[in-house]
Amino acid sequence: KAADVVVTHELKEVSITCLPKDLP
C-alpha cells in the first residue's frame, strides 16, 4: 500500500524434493 516502498520478487521458483504424490 505504501507508494515509497519497492517490493522485489528475488525468486520466482524453488527447487523442492518430495514423493510424487505430494508434488504441488
mmCIF file of all heavy atoms, coordinates in Angstrom:
data_MODEL
# 
_entry.id   MODEL 
# 
loop_
_atom_site.group_PDB 
_atom_site.id 
_atom_site.type_symbol 
_atom_site.label_atom_id 
_atom_site.label_alt_id 
_atom_site.label_comp_id 
_atom_site.label_asym_id 
_atom_site.label_entity_id 
_atom_site.label_seq_id 
_atom_site.pdbx_PDB_ins_code 
_atom_site.Cartn_x 
_atom_site.Cartn_y 
_atom_site.Cartn_z 
_atom_site.occupancy 
_atom_site.B_iso_or_equiv 
_atom_site.pdbx_formal_charge 
_atom_site.auth_seq_id 
_atom_site.auth_comp_id 
_atom_site.auth_asym_id 
_atom_site.auth_atom_id 
_atom_site.pdbx_PDB_model_num 
ATOM 1   N N   . LYS A 1 1  ? 0.821  -1.220  0.000   1.00 0.00 ? 1  LYS A N   1 
ATOM 2   C CA  . LYS A 1 1  ? 0.000  0.000   0.000   1.00 0.00 ? 1  LYS A CA  1 
ATOM 3   C C   . LYS A 1 1  ? 0.852  1.265   0.000   1.00 0.00 ? 1  LYS A C   1 
ATOM 4   O O   . LYS A 1 1  ? 0.357  2.339   -0.342  1.00 0.00 ? 1  LYS A O   1 
ATOM 5   C CB  . LYS A 1 1  ? -0.910 0.007   1.230   1.00 0.00 ? 1  LYS A CB  1 
ATOM 6   C CG  . LYS A 1 1  ? -2.013 -1.041  1.198   1.00 0.00 ? 1  LYS A CG  1 
ATOM 7   C CD  . LYS A 1 1  ? -2.834 -0.972  2.469   1.00 0.00 ? 1  LYS A CD  1 
ATOM 8   C CE  . LYS A 1 1  ? -3.958 -1.996  2.465   1.00 0.00 ? 1  LYS A CE  1 
ATOM 9   N NZ  . LYS A 1 1  ? -4.736 -1.953  3.734   1.00 0.00 ? 1  LYS A NZ  1 
ATOM 10  N N   . ALA A 1 2  ? 2.114  1.151   0.402   1.00 0.00 ? 2  ALA A N   1 
ATOM 11  C CA  . ALA A 1 2  ? 2.974  2.328   0.509   1.00 0.00 ? 2  ALA A CA  1 
ATOM 12  C C   . ALA A 1 2  ? 3.555  2.703   -0.852  1.00 0.00 ? 2  ALA A C   1 
ATOM 13  O O   . ALA A 1 2  ? 4.153  1.875   -1.535  1.00 0.00 ? 2  ALA A O   1 
ATOM 14  C CB  . ALA A 1 2  ? 4.098  2.051   1.509   1.00 0.00 ? 2  ALA A CB  1 
ATOM 15  N N   . ALA A 1 3  ? 3.391  3.956   -1.209  1.00 0.00 ? 3  ALA A N   1 
ATOM 16  C CA  . ALA A 1 3  ? 3.849  4.407   -2.530  1.00 0.00 ? 3  ALA A CA  1 
ATOM 17  C C   . ALA A 1 3  ? 5.370  4.459   -2.624  1.00 0.00 ? 3  ALA A C   1 
ATOM 18  O O   . ALA A 1 3  ? 5.926  4.399   -3.725  1.00 0.00 ? 3  ALA A O   1 
ATOM 19  C CB  . ALA A 1 3  ? 3.261  5.781   -2.836  1.00 0.00 ? 3  ALA A CB  1 
ATOM 20  N N   . ASP A 1 4  ? 6.050  4.588   -1.462  1.00 0.00 ? 4  ASP A N   1 
ATOM 21  C CA  . ASP A 1 4  ? 7.504  4.748   -1.497  1.00 0.00 ? 4  ASP A CA  1 
ATOM 22  C C   . ASP A 1 4  ? 8.255  3.458   -1.197  1.00 0.00 ? 4  ASP A C   1 
ATOM 23  O O   . ASP A 1 4  ? 9.454  3.480   -0.926  1.00 0.00 ? 4  ASP A O   1 
ATOM 24  C CB  . ASP A 1 4  ? 7.946  5.825   -0.507  1.00 0.00 ? 4  ASP A CB  1 
ATOM 25  C CG  . ASP A 1 4  ? 7.501  5.519   0.916   1.00 0.00 ? 4  ASP A CG  1 
ATOM 26  O OD1 . ASP A 1 4  ? 6.664  4.607   1.086   1.00 0.00 ? 4  ASP A OD1 1 
ATOM 27  O OD2 . ASP A 1 4  ? 7.987  6.189   1.840   1.00 0.00 ? 4  ASP A OD2 1 
ATOM 28  N N   . VAL A 1 5  ? 7.558  2.332   -1.241  1.00 0.00 ? 5  VAL A N   1 
ATOM 29  C CA  . VAL A 1 5  ? 8.193  1.032   -0.973  1.00 0.00 ? 5  VAL A CA  1 
ATOM 30  C C   . VAL A 1 5  ? 8.241  0.214   -2.265  1.00 0.00 ? 5  VAL A C   1 
ATOM 31  O O   . VAL A 1 5  ? 7.239  0.085   -2.970  1.00 0.00 ? 5  VAL A O   1 
ATOM 32  C CB  . VAL A 1 5  ? 7.437  0.243   0.122   1.00 0.00 ? 5  VAL A CB  1 
ATOM 33  C CG1 . VAL A 1 5  ? 8.065  -1.136  0.297   1.00 0.00 ? 5  VAL A CG1 1 
ATOM 34  C CG2 . VAL A 1 5  ? 7.474  1.009   1.431   1.00 0.00 ? 5  VAL A CG2 1 
ATOM 35  N N   . VAL A 1 6  ? 9.413  -0.326  -2.551  1.00 0.00 ? 6  VAL A N   1 
ATOM 36  C CA  . VAL A 1 6  ? 9.590  -1.168  -3.736  1.00 0.00 ? 6  VAL A CA  1 
ATOM 37  C C   . VAL A 1 6  ? 9.681  -2.627  -3.280  1.00 0.00 ? 6  VAL A C   1 
ATOM 38  O O   . VAL A 1 6  ? 10.589 -2.996  -2.536  1.00 0.00 ? 6  VAL A O   1 
ATOM 39  C CB  . VAL A 1 6  ? 10.871 -0.786  -4.507  1.00 0.00 ? 6  VAL A CB  1 
ATOM 40  C CG1 . VAL A 1 6  ? 11.064 -1.721  -5.701  1.00 0.00 ? 6  VAL A CG1 1 
ATOM 41  C CG2 . VAL A 1 6  ? 10.815 0.663   -4.951  1.00 0.00 ? 6  VAL A CG2 1 
ATOM 42  N N   . VAL A 1 7  ? 8.727  -3.443  -3.718  1.00 0.00 ? 7  VAL A N   1 
ATOM 43  C CA  . VAL A 1 7  ? 8.717  -4.873  -3.391  1.00 0.00 ? 7  VAL A CA  1 
ATOM 44  C C   . VAL A 1 7  ? 9.311  -5.640  -4.564  1.00 0.00 ? 7  VAL A C   1 
ATOM 45  O O   . VAL A 1 7  ? 8.842  -5.522  -5.703  1.00 0.00 ? 7  VAL A O   1 
ATOM 46  C CB  . VAL A 1 7  ? 7.288  -5.375  -3.094  1.00 0.00 ? 7  VAL A CB  1 
ATOM 47  C CG1 . VAL A 1 7  ? 7.302  -6.877  -2.809  1.00 0.00 ? 7  VAL A CG1 1 
ATOM 48  C CG2 . VAL A 1 7  ? 6.691  -4.612  -1.918  1.00 0.00 ? 7  VAL A CG2 1 
ATOM 49  N N   . THR A 1 8  ? 10.335 -6.429  -4.280  1.00 0.00 ? 8  THR A N   1 
ATOM 50  C CA  . THR A 1 8  ? 11.022 -7.180  -5.329  1.00 0.00 ? 8  THR A CA  1 
ATOM 51  C C   . THR A 1 8  ? 10.909 -8.674  -5.064  1.00 0.00 ? 8  THR A C   1 
ATOM 52  O O   . THR A 1 8  ? 11.178 -9.130  -3.948  1.00 0.00 ? 8  THR A O   1 
ATOM 53  C CB  . THR A 1 8  ? 12.515 -6.793  -5.393  1.00 0.00 ? 8  THR A CB  1 
ATOM 54  O OG1 . THR A 1 8  ? 12.636 -5.388  -5.584  1.00 0.00 ? 8  THR A OG1 1 
ATOM 55  C CG2 . THR A 1 8  ? 13.209 -7.528  -6.541  1.00 0.00 ? 8  THR A CG2 1 
ATOM 56  N N   . HIS A 1 9  ? 10.507 -9.426  -6.086  1.00 0.00 ? 9  HIS A N   1 
ATOM 57  C CA  . HIS A 1 9  ? 10.486 -10.890 -6.007  1.00 0.00 ? 9  HIS A CA  1 
ATOM 58  C C   . HIS A 1 9  ? 11.839 -11.395 -6.501  1.00 0.00 ? 9  HIS A C   1 
ATOM 59  O O   . HIS A 1 9  ? 12.108 -11.384 -7.701  1.00 0.00 ? 9  HIS A O   1 
ATOM 60  C CB  . HIS A 1 9  ? 9.354  -11.465 -6.865  1.00 0.00 ? 9  HIS A CB  1 
ATOM 61  C CG  . HIS A 1 9  ? 8.000  -10.968 -6.479  1.00 0.00 ? 9  HIS A CG  1 
ATOM 62  N ND1 . HIS A 1 9  ? 6.892  -11.106 -7.288  1.00 0.00 ? 9  HIS A ND1 1 
ATOM 63  C CD2 . HIS A 1 9  ? 7.569  -10.316 -5.370  1.00 0.00 ? 9  HIS A CD2 1 
ATOM 64  C CE1 . HIS A 1 9  ? 5.851  -10.570 -6.703  1.00 0.00 ? 9  HIS A CE1 1 
ATOM 65  N NE2 . HIS A 1 9  ? 6.229  -10.078 -5.534  1.00 0.00 ? 9  HIS A NE2 1 
ATOM 66  N N   . GLU A 1 10 ? 12.676 -11.812 -5.580  1.00 0.00 ? 10 GLU A N   1 
ATOM 67  C CA  . GLU A 1 10 ? 14.032 -12.244 -5.930  1.00 0.00 ? 10 GLU A CA  1 
ATOM 68  C C   . GLU A 1 10 ? 14.039 -13.607 -6.624  1.00 0.00 ? 10 GLU A C   1 
ATOM 69  O O   . GLU A 1 10 ? 14.901 -13.892 -7.455  1.00 0.00 ? 10 GLU A O   1 
ATOM 70  C CB  . GLU A 1 10 ? 14.905 -12.302 -4.673  1.00 0.00 ? 10 GLU A CB  1 
ATOM 71  C CG  . GLU A 1 10 ? 14.968 -10.995 -3.875  1.00 0.00 ? 10 GLU A CG  1 
ATOM 72  C CD  . GLU A 1 10 ? 15.742 -9.916  -4.600  1.00 0.00 ? 10 GLU A CD  1 
ATOM 73  O OE1 . GLU A 1 10 ? 16.409 -10.224 -5.602  1.00 0.00 ? 10 GLU A OE1 1 
ATOM 74  O OE2 . GLU A 1 10 ? 15.683 -8.749  -4.145  1.00 0.00 ? 10 GLU A OE2 1 
ATOM 75  N N   . LEU A 1 11 ? 13.101 -14.459 -6.270  1.00 0.00 ? 11 LEU A N   1 
ATOM 76  C CA  . LEU A 1 11 ? 12.983 -15.788 -6.876  1.00 0.00 ? 11 LEU A CA  1 
ATOM 77  C C   . LEU A 1 11 ? 11.553 -15.996 -7.342  1.00 0.00 ? 11 LEU A C   1 
ATOM 78  O O   . LEU A 1 11 ? 10.609 -15.561 -6.677  1.00 0.00 ? 11 LEU A O   1 
ATOM 79  C CB  . LEU A 1 11 ? 13.354 -16.898 -5.871  1.00 0.00 ? 11 LEU A CB  1 
ATOM 80  C CG  . LEU A 1 11 ? 14.795 -16.940 -5.346  1.00 0.00 ? 11 LEU A CG  1 
ATOM 81  C CD1 . LEU A 1 11 ? 14.933 -18.057 -4.313  1.00 0.00 ? 11 LEU A CD1 1 
ATOM 82  C CD2 . LEU A 1 11 ? 15.771 -17.166 -6.488  1.00 0.00 ? 11 LEU A CD2 1 
ATOM 83  N N   . LYS A 1 12 ? 11.396 -16.665 -8.466  1.00 0.00 ? 12 LYS A N   1 
ATOM 84  C CA  . LYS A 1 12 ? 10.064 -16.969 -8.980  1.00 0.00 ? 12 LYS A CA  1 
ATOM 85  C C   . LYS A 1 12 ? 9.733  -18.456 -8.874  1.00 0.00 ? 12 LYS A C   1 
ATOM 86  O O   . LYS A 1 12 ? 8.595  -18.869 -9.088  1.00 0.00 ? 12 LYS A O   1 
ATOM 87  C CB  . LYS A 1 12 ? 9.945  -16.512 -10.440 1.00 0.00 ? 12 LYS A CB  1 
ATOM 88  C CG  . LYS A 1 12 ? 9.957  -14.996 -10.588 1.00 0.00 ? 12 LYS A CG  1 
ATOM 89  C CD  . LYS A 1 12 ? 9.753  -14.599 -12.031 1.00 0.00 ? 12 LYS A CD  1 
ATOM 90  C CE  . LYS A 1 12 ? 9.533  -13.106 -12.167 1.00 0.00 ? 12 LYS A CE  1 
ATOM 91  N NZ  . LYS A 1 12 ? 10.622 -12.297 -11.641 1.00 0.00 ? 12 LYS A NZ  1 
ATOM 92  N N   . GLU A 1 13 ? 10.743 -19.281 -8.546  1.00 0.00 ? 13 GLU A N   1 
ATOM 93  C CA  . GLU A 1 13 ? 10.517 -20.707 -8.359  1.00 0.00 ? 13 GLU A CA  1 
ATOM 94  C C   . GLU A 1 13 ? 11.517 -21.233 -7.347  1.00 0.00 ? 13 GLU A C   1 
ATOM 95  O O   . GLU A 1 13 ? 12.505 -20.576 -7.020  1.00 0.00 ? 13 GLU A O   1 
ATOM 96  C CB  . GLU A 1 13 ? 10.641 -21.473 -9.680  1.00 0.00 ? 13 GLU A CB  1 
ATOM 97  C CG  . GLU A 1 13 ? 12.009 -21.410 -10.323 1.00 0.00 ? 13 GLU A CG  1 
ATOM 98  C CD  . GLU A 1 13 ? 12.080 -22.194 -11.624 1.00 0.00 ? 13 GLU A CD  1 
ATOM 99  O OE1 . GLU A 1 13 ? 11.016 -22.497 -12.203 1.00 0.00 ? 13 GLU A OE1 1 
ATOM 100 O OE2 . GLU A 1 13 ? 13.202 -22.519 -12.049 1.00 0.00 ? 13 GLU A OE2 1 
ATOM 101 N N   . VAL A 1 14 ? 11.230 -22.432 -6.828  1.00 0.00 ? 14 VAL A N   1 
ATOM 102 C CA  . VAL A 1 14 ? 12.096 -23.026 -5.818  1.00 0.00 ? 14 VAL A CA  1 
ATOM 103 C C   . VAL A 1 14 ? 12.256 -24.513 -6.104  1.00 0.00 ? 14 VAL A C   1 
ATOM 104 O O   . VAL A 1 14 ? 11.323 -25.168 -6.582  1.00 0.00 ? 14 VAL A O   1 
ATOM 105 C CB  . VAL A 1 14 ? 11.505 -22.802 -4.401  1.00 0.00 ? 14 VAL A CB  1 
ATOM 106 C CG1 . VAL A 1 14 ? 10.141 -23.467 -4.261  1.00 0.00 ? 14 VAL A CG1 1 
ATOM 107 C CG2 . VAL A 1 14 ? 12.455 -23.307 -3.326  1.00 0.00 ? 14 VAL A CG2 1 
ATOM 108 N N   . SER A 1 15 ? 13.452 -25.032 -5.837  1.00 0.00 ? 15 SER A N   1 
ATOM 109 C CA  . SER A 1 15 ? 13.720 -26.451 -6.031  1.00 0.00 ? 15 SER A CA  1 
ATOM 110 C C   . SER A 1 15 ? 13.313 -27.209 -4.767  1.00 0.00 ? 15 SER A C   1 
ATOM 111 O O   . SER A 1 15 ? 13.759 -26.870 -3.666  1.00 0.00 ? 15 SER A O   1 
ATOM 112 C CB  . SER A 1 15 ? 15.205 -26.674 -6.323  1.00 0.00 ? 15 SER A CB  1 
ATOM 113 O OG  . SER A 1 15 ? 15.484 -28.058 -6.468  1.00 0.00 ? 15 SER A OG  1 
ATOM 114 N N   . ILE A 1 16 ? 12.464 -28.220 -4.935  1.00 0.00 ? 16 ILE A N   1 
ATOM 115 C CA  . ILE A 1 16 ? 11.971 -28.986 -3.787  1.00 0.00 ? 16 ILE A CA  1 
ATOM 116 C C   . ILE A 1 16 ? 12.194 -30.477 -4.009  1.00 0.00 ? 16 ILE A C   1 
ATOM 117 O O   . ILE A 1 16 ? 12.475 -30.919 -5.132  1.00 0.00 ? 16 ILE A O   1 
ATOM 118 C CB  . ILE A 1 16 ? 10.464 -28.745 -3.549  1.00 0.00 ? 16 ILE A CB  1 
ATOM 119 C CG1 . ILE A 1 16 ? 9.645  -29.273 -4.759  1.00 0.00 ? 16 ILE A CG1 1 
ATOM 120 C CG2 . ILE A 1 16 ? 10.179 -27.278 -3.302  1.00 0.00 ? 16 ILE A CG2 1 
ATOM 121 C CD1 . ILE A 1 16 ? 8.168  -29.353 -4.508  1.00 0.00 ? 16 ILE A CD1 1 
ATOM 122 N N   . THR A 1 17 ? 12.076 -31.252 -2.919  1.00 0.00 ? 17 THR A N   1 
ATOM 123 C CA  . THR A 1 17 ? 12.065 -32.710 -3.006  1.00 0.00 ? 17 THR A CA  1 
ATOM 124 C C   . THR A 1 17 ? 10.821 -33.221 -2.291  1.00 0.00 ? 17 THR A C   1 
ATOM 125 O O   . THR A 1 17 ? 10.407 -32.661 -1.269  1.00 0.00 ? 17 THR A O   1 
ATOM 126 C CB  . THR A 1 17 ? 13.319 -33.341 -2.365  1.00 0.00 ? 17 THR A CB  1 
ATOM 127 O OG1 . THR A 1 17 ? 13.384 -32.943 -0.984  1.00 0.00 ? 17 THR A OG1 1 
ATOM 128 C CG2 . THR A 1 17 ? 14.582 -32.900 -3.080  1.00 0.00 ? 17 THR A CG2 1 
ATOM 129 N N   . CYS A 1 18 ? 10.239 -34.280 -2.829  1.00 0.00 ? 18 CYS A N   1 
ATOM 130 C CA  . CYS A 1 18 ? 9.055  -34.883 -2.219  1.00 0.00 ? 18 CYS A CA  1 
ATOM 131 C C   . CYS A 1 18 ? 8.722  -36.162 -2.975  1.00 0.00 ? 18 CYS A C   1 
ATOM 132 O O   . CYS A 1 18 ? 9.297  -36.434 -4.033  1.00 0.00 ? 18 CYS A O   1 
ATOM 133 C CB  . CYS A 1 18 ? 7.860  -33.934 -2.257  1.00 0.00 ? 18 CYS A CB  1 
ATOM 134 S SG  . CYS A 1 18 ? 7.315  -33.510 -3.940  1.00 0.00 ? 18 CYS A SG  1 
ATOM 135 N N   . LEU A 1 19 ? 7.803  -36.938 -2.437  1.00 0.00 ? 19 LEU A N   1 
ATOM 136 C CA  . LEU A 1 19 ? 7.270  -38.073 -3.172  1.00 0.00 ? 19 LEU A CA  1 
ATOM 137 C C   . LEU A 1 19 ? 6.341  -37.543 -4.266  1.00 0.00 ? 19 LEU A C   1 
ATOM 138 O O   . LEU A 1 19 ? 5.740  -36.468 -4.103  1.00 0.00 ? 19 LEU A O   1 
ATOM 139 C CB  . LEU A 1 19 ? 6.501  -39.006 -2.242  1.00 0.00 ? 19 LEU A CB  1 
ATOM 140 C CG  . LEU A 1 19 ? 7.334  -39.825 -1.253  1.00 0.00 ? 19 LEU A CG  1 
ATOM 141 C CD1 . LEU A 1 19 ? 6.418  -40.582 -0.296  1.00 0.00 ? 19 LEU A CD1 1 
ATOM 142 C CD2 . LEU A 1 19 ? 8.249  -40.805 -1.995  1.00 0.00 ? 19 LEU A CD2 1 
ATOM 143 N N   . PRO A 1 20 ? 6.218  -38.265 -5.371  1.00 0.00 ? 20 PRO A N   1 
ATOM 144 C CA  . PRO A 1 20 ? 5.360  -37.790 -6.458  1.00 0.00 ? 20 PRO A CA  1 
ATOM 145 C C   . PRO A 1 20 ? 3.947  -37.407 -6.018  1.00 0.00 ? 20 PRO A C   1 
ATOM 146 O O   . PRO A 1 20 ? 3.388  -36.426 -6.516  1.00 0.00 ? 20 PRO A O   1 
ATOM 147 C CB  . PRO A 1 20 ? 5.336  -38.990 -7.416  1.00 0.00 ? 20 PRO A CB  1 
ATOM 148 C CG  . PRO A 1 20 ? 6.671  -39.637 -7.204  1.00 0.00 ? 20 PRO A CG  1 
ATOM 149 C CD  . PRO A 1 20 ? 6.942  -39.501 -5.735  1.00 0.00 ? 20 PRO A CD  1 
ATOM 150 N N   . LYS A 1 21 ? 3.375  -38.156 -5.074  1.00 0.00 ? 21 LYS A N   1 
ATOM 151 C CA  . LYS A 1 21 ? 2.002  -37.877 -4.645  1.00 0.00 ? 21 LYS A CA  1 
ATOM 152 C C   . LYS A 1 21 ? 1.877  -36.534 -3.915  1.00 0.00 ? 21 LYS A C   1 
ATOM 153 O O   . LYS A 1 21 ? 0.792  -35.969 -3.804  1.00 0.00 ? 21 LYS A O   1 
ATOM 154 C CB  . LYS A 1 21 ? 1.489  -38.999 -3.740  1.00 0.00 ? 21 LYS A CB  1 
ATOM 155 C CG  . LYS A 1 21 ? 2.191  -39.106 -2.402  1.00 0.00 ? 21 LYS A CG  1 
ATOM 156 C CD  . LYS A 1 21 ? 1.643  -40.241 -1.565  1.00 0.00 ? 21 LYS A CD  1 
ATOM 157 C CE  . LYS A 1 21 ? 2.328  -40.336 -0.204  1.00 0.00 ? 21 LYS A CE  1 
ATOM 158 N NZ  . LYS A 1 21 ? 2.091  -39.149 0.629   1.00 0.00 ? 21 LYS A NZ  1 
ATOM 159 N N   . ASP A 1 22 ? 3.013  -36.025 -3.408  1.00 0.00 ? 22 ASP A N   1 
ATOM 160 C CA  . ASP A 1 22 ? 2.988  -34.774 -2.656  1.00 0.00 ? 22 ASP A CA  1 
ATOM 161 C C   . ASP A 1 22 ? 3.428  -33.562 -3.480  1.00 0.00 ? 22 ASP A C   1 
ATOM 162 O O   . ASP A 1 22 ? 3.491  -32.441 -2.957  1.00 0.00 ? 22 ASP A O   1 
ATOM 163 C CB  . ASP A 1 22 ? 3.900  -34.883 -1.429  1.00 0.00 ? 22 ASP A CB  1 
ATOM 164 C CG  . ASP A 1 22 ? 3.424  -35.938 -0.442  1.00 0.00 ? 22 ASP A CG  1 
ATOM 165 O OD1 . ASP A 1 22 ? 2.194  -36.066 -0.270  1.00 0.00 ? 22 ASP A OD1 1 
ATOM 166 O OD2 . ASP A 1 22 ? 4.274  -36.638 0.144   1.00 0.00 ? 22 ASP A OD2 1 
ATOM 167 N N   . LEU A 1 23 ? 3.729  -33.769 -4.757  1.00 0.00 ? 23 LEU A N   1 
ATOM 168 C CA  . LEU A 1 23 ? 4.255  -32.678 -5.579  1.00 0.00 ? 23 LEU A CA  1 
ATOM 169 C C   . LEU A 1 23 ? 3.189  -31.599 -5.811  1.00 0.00 ? 23 LEU A C   1 
ATOM 170 O O   . LEU A 1 23 ? 2.159  -31.855 -6.418  1.00 0.00 ? 23 LEU A O   1 
ATOM 171 C CB  . LEU A 1 23 ? 4.732  -33.224 -6.933  1.00 0.00 ? 23 LEU A CB  1 
ATOM 172 C CG  . LEU A 1 23 ? 5.318  -32.196 -7.904  1.00 0.00 ? 23 LEU A CG  1 
ATOM 173 C CD1 . LEU A 1 23 ? 6.598  -31.584 -7.341  1.00 0.00 ? 23 LEU A CD1 1 
ATOM 174 C CD2 . LEU A 1 23 ? 5.599  -32.841 -9.261  1.00 0.00 ? 23 LEU A CD2 1 
ATOM 175 N N   . PRO A 1 24 ? 3.430  -30.368 -5.335  1.00 0.00 ? 24 PRO A N   1 
ATOM 176 C CA  . PRO A 1 24 ? 2.466  -29.283 -5.572  1.00 0.00 ? 24 PRO A CA  1 
ATOM 177 C C   . PRO A 1 24 ? 2.712  -28.633 -6.928  1.00 0.00 ? 24 PRO A C   1 
ATOM 178 O O   . PRO A 1 24 ? 3.837  -28.618 -7.414  1.00 0.00 ? 24 PRO A O   1 
ATOM 179 C CB  . PRO A 1 24 ? 2.777  -28.305 -4.437  1.00 0.00 ? 24 PRO A CB  1 
ATOM 180 C CG  . PRO A 1 24 ? 4.243  -28.491 -4.191  1.00 0.00 ? 24 PRO A CG  1 
ATOM 181 C CD  . PRO A 1 24 ? 4.554  -29.941 -4.488  1.00 0.00 ? 24 PRO A CD  1 
# 
